[in-house]
Amino acid sequence: MNKLIIQADYTLNSTQASQLFKQVDQIAVDLYMYVYTYQSNGYWVVKPYITPYQNDISYQSHPIIAGAGASLFFWWNKG
């Protein structure tokens, strides 16, 4: 898999690189050991004068930190 990633990184042809990355994605899916069948839901209670960055709430969640359960303060605007 790493060899395919390196090969795709150095390929000058974007179509060929795309095909190589597609192979890498498929290998990653095939090797994945867990399938999540449950997703918890949560709610944010925010004061009315606090708004999301560019009025887009999707900026608030950060998938690397706590799986979209966390919010990063710099994506919120006051006023």
N, C-alpha and C. Protein backbone atom coordinates (compact mmCIF):
# COMPACT_ATOMS: atom_id res chain seq x y z
N MET A 1 0.81 -1.17 0.00
CA MET A 1 0.00 0.00 0.00
C MET A 1 0.87 1.26 0.00
N ASN A 2 1.91 1.27 0.81
CA ASN A 2 2.80 2.42 0.85
C ASN A 2 3.51 2.62 -0.49
N LYS A 3 3.86 1.53 -1.15
CA LYS A 3 4.51 1.63 -2.46
C LYS A 3 3.57 2.29 -3.48
N LEU A 4 2.27 1.93 -3.40
CA LEU A 4 1.30 2.54 -4.32
C LEU A 4 1.15 4.04 -4.04
N ILE A 5 1.15 4.42 -2.77
CA ILE A 5 1.03 5.83 -2.41
C ILE A 5 2.23 6.62 -2.94
N ILE A 6 3.42 6.07 -2.74
CA ILE A 6 4.63 6.74 -3.22
C ILE A 6 4.62 6.83 -4.74
N GLN A 7 4.20 5.75 -5.39
CA GLN A 7 4.13 5.75 -6.85
C GLN A 7 3.13 6.81 -7.34
N ALA A 8 1.99 6.90 -6.68
CA ALA A 8 0.99 7.90 -7.07
C ALA A 8 1.48 9.32 -6.83
N ASP A 9 2.23 9.51 -5.74
CA ASP A 9 2.78 10.84 -5.44
C ASP A 9 3.74 11.32 -6.53
N TYR A 10 4.52 10.41 -7.09
CA TYR A 10 5.53 10.79 -8.07
C TYR A 10 5.06 10.69 -9.51
N THR A 11 3.83 10.23 -9.72
CA THR A 11 3.30 10.12 -11.08
C THR A 11 2.91 11.49 -11.60
N LEU A 12 3.34 11.83 -12.78
CA LEU A 12 3.02 13.13 -13.37
C LEU A 12 1.66 13.14 -14.04
N ASN A 13 1.17 11.98 -14.44
CA ASN A 13 -0.13 11.86 -15.09
C ASN A 13 -1.22 11.82 -14.01
N SER A 14 -2.08 12.83 -13.98
CA SER A 14 -3.10 12.92 -12.93
C SER A 14 -4.13 11.79 -13.00
N THR A 15 -4.43 11.33 -14.21
CA THR A 15 -5.38 10.22 -14.35
C THR A 15 -4.81 8.95 -13.76
N GLN A 16 -3.55 8.67 -14.04
CA GLN A 16 -2.90 7.48 -13.50
C GLN A 16 -2.77 7.60 -11.98
N ALA A 17 -2.43 8.78 -11.49
CA ALA A 17 -2.31 8.99 -10.04
C ALA A 17 -3.66 8.75 -9.36
N SER A 18 -4.72 9.23 -9.97
CA SER A 18 -6.06 9.04 -9.43
C SER A 18 -6.41 7.56 -9.33
N GLN A 19 -6.05 6.79 -10.35
CA GLN A 19 -6.31 5.35 -10.35
C GLN A 19 -5.51 4.65 -9.26
N LEU A 20 -4.27 5.09 -9.07
CA LEU A 20 -3.44 4.49 -8.01
C LEU A 20 -4.02 4.80 -6.63
N PHE A 21 -4.45 6.05 -6.42
CA PHE A 21 -5.05 6.41 -5.13
C PHE A 21 -6.36 5.65 -4.91
N LYS A 22 -7.09 5.38 -5.99
CA LYS A 22 -8.31 4.59 -5.86
C LYS A 22 -7.98 3.17 -5.40
N GLN A 23 -6.91 2.60 -5.92
CA GLN A 23 -6.47 1.27 -5.47
C GLN A 23 -6.08 1.31 -4.00
N VAL A 24 -5.37 2.36 -3.59
CA VAL A 24 -4.97 2.50 -2.19
C VAL A 24 -6.20 2.59 -1.30
N ASP A 25 -7.19 3.39 -1.71
CA ASP A 25 -8.42 3.51 -0.93
C ASP A 25 -9.12 2.16 -0.79
N GLN A 26 -9.16 1.40 -1.86
CA GLN A 26 -9.82 0.10 -1.81
C GLN A 26 -9.07 -0.86 -0.88
N ILE A 27 -7.75 -0.84 -0.91
CA ILE A 27 -6.96 -1.68 -0.01
C ILE A 27 -7.24 -1.29 1.43
N ALA A 28 -7.30 0.02 1.71
CA ALA A 28 -7.57 0.49 3.06
C ALA A 28 -8.95 0.03 3.53
N VAL A 29 -9.94 0.07 2.65
CA VAL A 29 -11.28 -0.40 3.00
C VAL A 29 -11.26 -1.90 3.25
N ASP A 30 -10.57 -2.64 2.42
CA ASP A 30 -10.51 -4.10 2.59
C ASP A 30 -9.80 -4.51 3.87
N LEU A 31 -8.83 -3.73 4.31
CA LEU A 31 -8.07 -4.06 5.51
C LEU A 31 -8.73 -3.56 6.79
N TYR A 32 -9.75 -2.73 6.67
CA TYR A 32 -10.37 -2.13 7.84
C TYR A 32 -11.06 -3.21 8.67
N MET A 33 -10.86 -3.19 9.97
CA MET A 33 -11.32 -4.27 10.82
C MET A 33 -12.67 -4.01 11.49
N TYR A 34 -13.13 -2.78 11.56
CA TYR A 34 -14.35 -2.46 12.29
C TYR A 34 -15.36 -1.79 11.38
N VAL A 35 -16.62 -2.09 11.60
CA VAL A 35 -17.70 -1.42 10.91
C VAL A 35 -18.61 -0.84 11.99
N TYR A 36 -18.72 0.48 12.02
CA TYR A 36 -19.56 1.12 13.03
C TYR A 36 -21.02 1.03 12.63
N THR A 37 -21.83 0.53 13.52
CA THR A 37 -23.26 0.41 13.23
C THR A 37 -24.09 1.35 14.09
N TYR A 38 -23.42 2.14 14.93
CA TYR A 38 -24.11 3.06 15.83
C TYR A 38 -23.40 4.39 15.82
N GLN A 39 -24.14 5.45 15.76
CA GLN A 39 -23.56 6.78 15.82
C GLN A 39 -24.32 7.59 16.85
N SER A 40 -23.63 8.07 17.84
CA SER A 40 -24.30 8.86 18.88
C SER A 40 -24.61 10.26 18.36
N ASN A 41 -25.64 10.83 18.89
CA ASN A 41 -26.04 12.19 18.54
C ASN A 41 -25.88 13.10 19.74
N GLY A 42 -25.56 14.33 19.50
CA GLY A 42 -25.44 15.29 20.58
C GLY A 42 -25.97 16.64 20.13
N TYR A 43 -26.09 17.53 21.08
CA TYR A 43 -26.62 18.86 20.79
C TYR A 43 -25.69 19.91 21.37
N TRP A 44 -25.57 21.01 20.68
CA TRP A 44 -24.85 22.17 21.17
C TRP A 44 -25.87 23.23 21.57
N VAL A 45 -25.71 23.76 22.75
CA VAL A 45 -26.54 24.88 23.18
C VAL A 45 -25.65 26.11 23.12
N VAL A 46 -26.03 27.04 22.25
CA VAL A 46 -25.20 28.21 21.98
C VAL A 46 -26.05 29.46 22.17
N LYS A 47 -25.47 30.48 22.78
CA LYS A 47 -26.17 31.76 22.95
C LYS A 47 -26.55 32.33 21.59
N PRO A 48 -27.63 33.11 21.51
CA PRO A 48 -28.08 33.62 20.21
C PRO A 48 -27.09 34.57 19.54
N TYR A 49 -26.20 35.20 20.30
CA TYR A 49 -25.25 36.13 19.69
C TYR A 49 -23.98 35.44 19.20
N ILE A 50 -23.88 34.13 19.36
CA ILE A 50 -22.74 33.35 18.87
C ILE A 50 -23.16 32.70 17.55
N THR A 51 -22.38 32.90 16.51
CA THR A 51 -22.71 32.33 15.19
C THR A 51 -21.53 31.51 14.66
N PRO A 52 -21.81 30.51 13.84
CA PRO A 52 -20.72 29.74 13.25
C PRO A 52 -19.97 30.54 12.19
N TYR A 53 -18.74 30.16 11.96
CA TYR A 53 -17.90 30.80 10.95
C TYR A 53 -18.57 30.74 9.60
N GLN A 54 -18.75 31.86 8.96
CA GLN A 54 -19.40 32.00 7.65
C GLN A 54 -20.78 31.33 7.62
N ASN A 55 -21.44 31.33 8.78
CA ASN A 55 -22.78 30.73 8.93
C ASN A 55 -22.84 29.28 8.47
N ASP A 56 -21.75 28.56 8.60
CA ASP A 56 -21.69 27.15 8.19
C ASP A 56 -21.32 26.31 9.41
N ILE A 57 -22.28 25.60 9.95
CA ILE A 57 -22.08 24.83 11.18
C ILE A 57 -21.09 23.68 10.97
N SER A 58 -20.89 23.25 9.73
CA SER A 58 -19.98 22.12 9.47
C SER A 58 -18.53 22.46 9.79
N TYR A 59 -18.19 23.76 9.87
CA TYR A 59 -16.84 24.14 10.26
C TYR A 59 -16.56 23.81 11.72
N GLN A 60 -17.60 23.67 12.54
CA GLN A 60 -17.42 23.55 13.98
C GLN A 60 -16.83 22.21 14.40
N SER A 61 -17.22 21.15 13.75
CA SER A 61 -16.77 19.83 14.17
C SER A 61 -15.41 19.52 13.58
N HIS A 62 -14.60 18.85 14.36
CA HIS A 62 -13.24 18.51 13.97
C HIS A 62 -13.11 16.99 14.09
N PRO A 63 -13.06 16.26 12.96
CA PRO A 63 -13.07 14.80 13.02
C PRO A 63 -11.86 14.18 13.70
N ILE A 64 -10.74 14.90 13.77
CA ILE A 64 -9.55 14.36 14.40
C ILE A 64 -9.67 14.41 15.92
N ILE A 65 -10.39 15.40 16.42
CA ILE A 65 -10.56 15.55 17.86
C ILE A 65 -11.92 15.02 18.25
N ALA A 66 -11.96 13.93 18.97
CA ALA A 66 -13.19 13.37 19.54
C ALA A 66 -14.27 13.05 18.52
N GLY A 67 -13.89 12.76 17.30
CA GLY A 67 -14.86 12.30 16.31
C GLY A 67 -16.06 13.20 16.12
N ALA A 68 -15.84 14.46 15.88
CA ALA A 68 -16.88 15.47 15.63
C ALA A 68 -17.68 15.78 16.88
N GLY A 69 -17.25 15.32 18.03
CA GLY A 69 -17.93 15.65 19.28
C GLY A 69 -17.34 16.88 19.93
N ALA A 70 -16.29 17.41 19.36
CA ALA A 70 -15.62 18.58 19.92
C ALA A 70 -15.83 19.78 19.02
N SER A 71 -15.70 20.94 19.62
CA SER A 71 -15.83 22.17 18.87
C SER A 71 -14.58 23.00 19.08
N LEU A 72 -14.11 23.63 18.04
CA LEU A 72 -12.91 24.46 18.13
C LEU A 72 -13.32 25.92 18.23
N PHE A 73 -12.84 26.62 19.24
CA PHE A 73 -13.31 27.96 19.55
C PHE A 73 -13.13 28.95 18.42
N PHE A 74 -12.10 28.78 17.58
CA PHE A 74 -11.86 29.80 16.55
C PHE A 74 -12.83 29.70 15.38
N TRP A 75 -13.73 28.73 15.36
CA TRP A 75 -14.74 28.66 14.30
C TRP A 75 -16.02 29.38 14.72
N TRP A 76 -16.06 29.94 15.92
CA TRP A 76 -17.26 30.64 16.39
C TRP A 76 -17.05 32.15 16.36
N ASN A 77 -18.08 32.88 16.01
CA ASN A 77 -18.04 34.36 15.98
C ASN A 77 -19.00 34.89 17.02
N LYS A 78 -18.61 35.97 17.69
CA LYS A 78 -19.50 36.63 18.65
C LYS A 78 -19.94 37.96 18.07
N GLY A 79 -21.25 38.16 18.06
CA GLY A 79 -21.76 39.44 17.61
C GLY A 79 -22.70 39.34 16.45
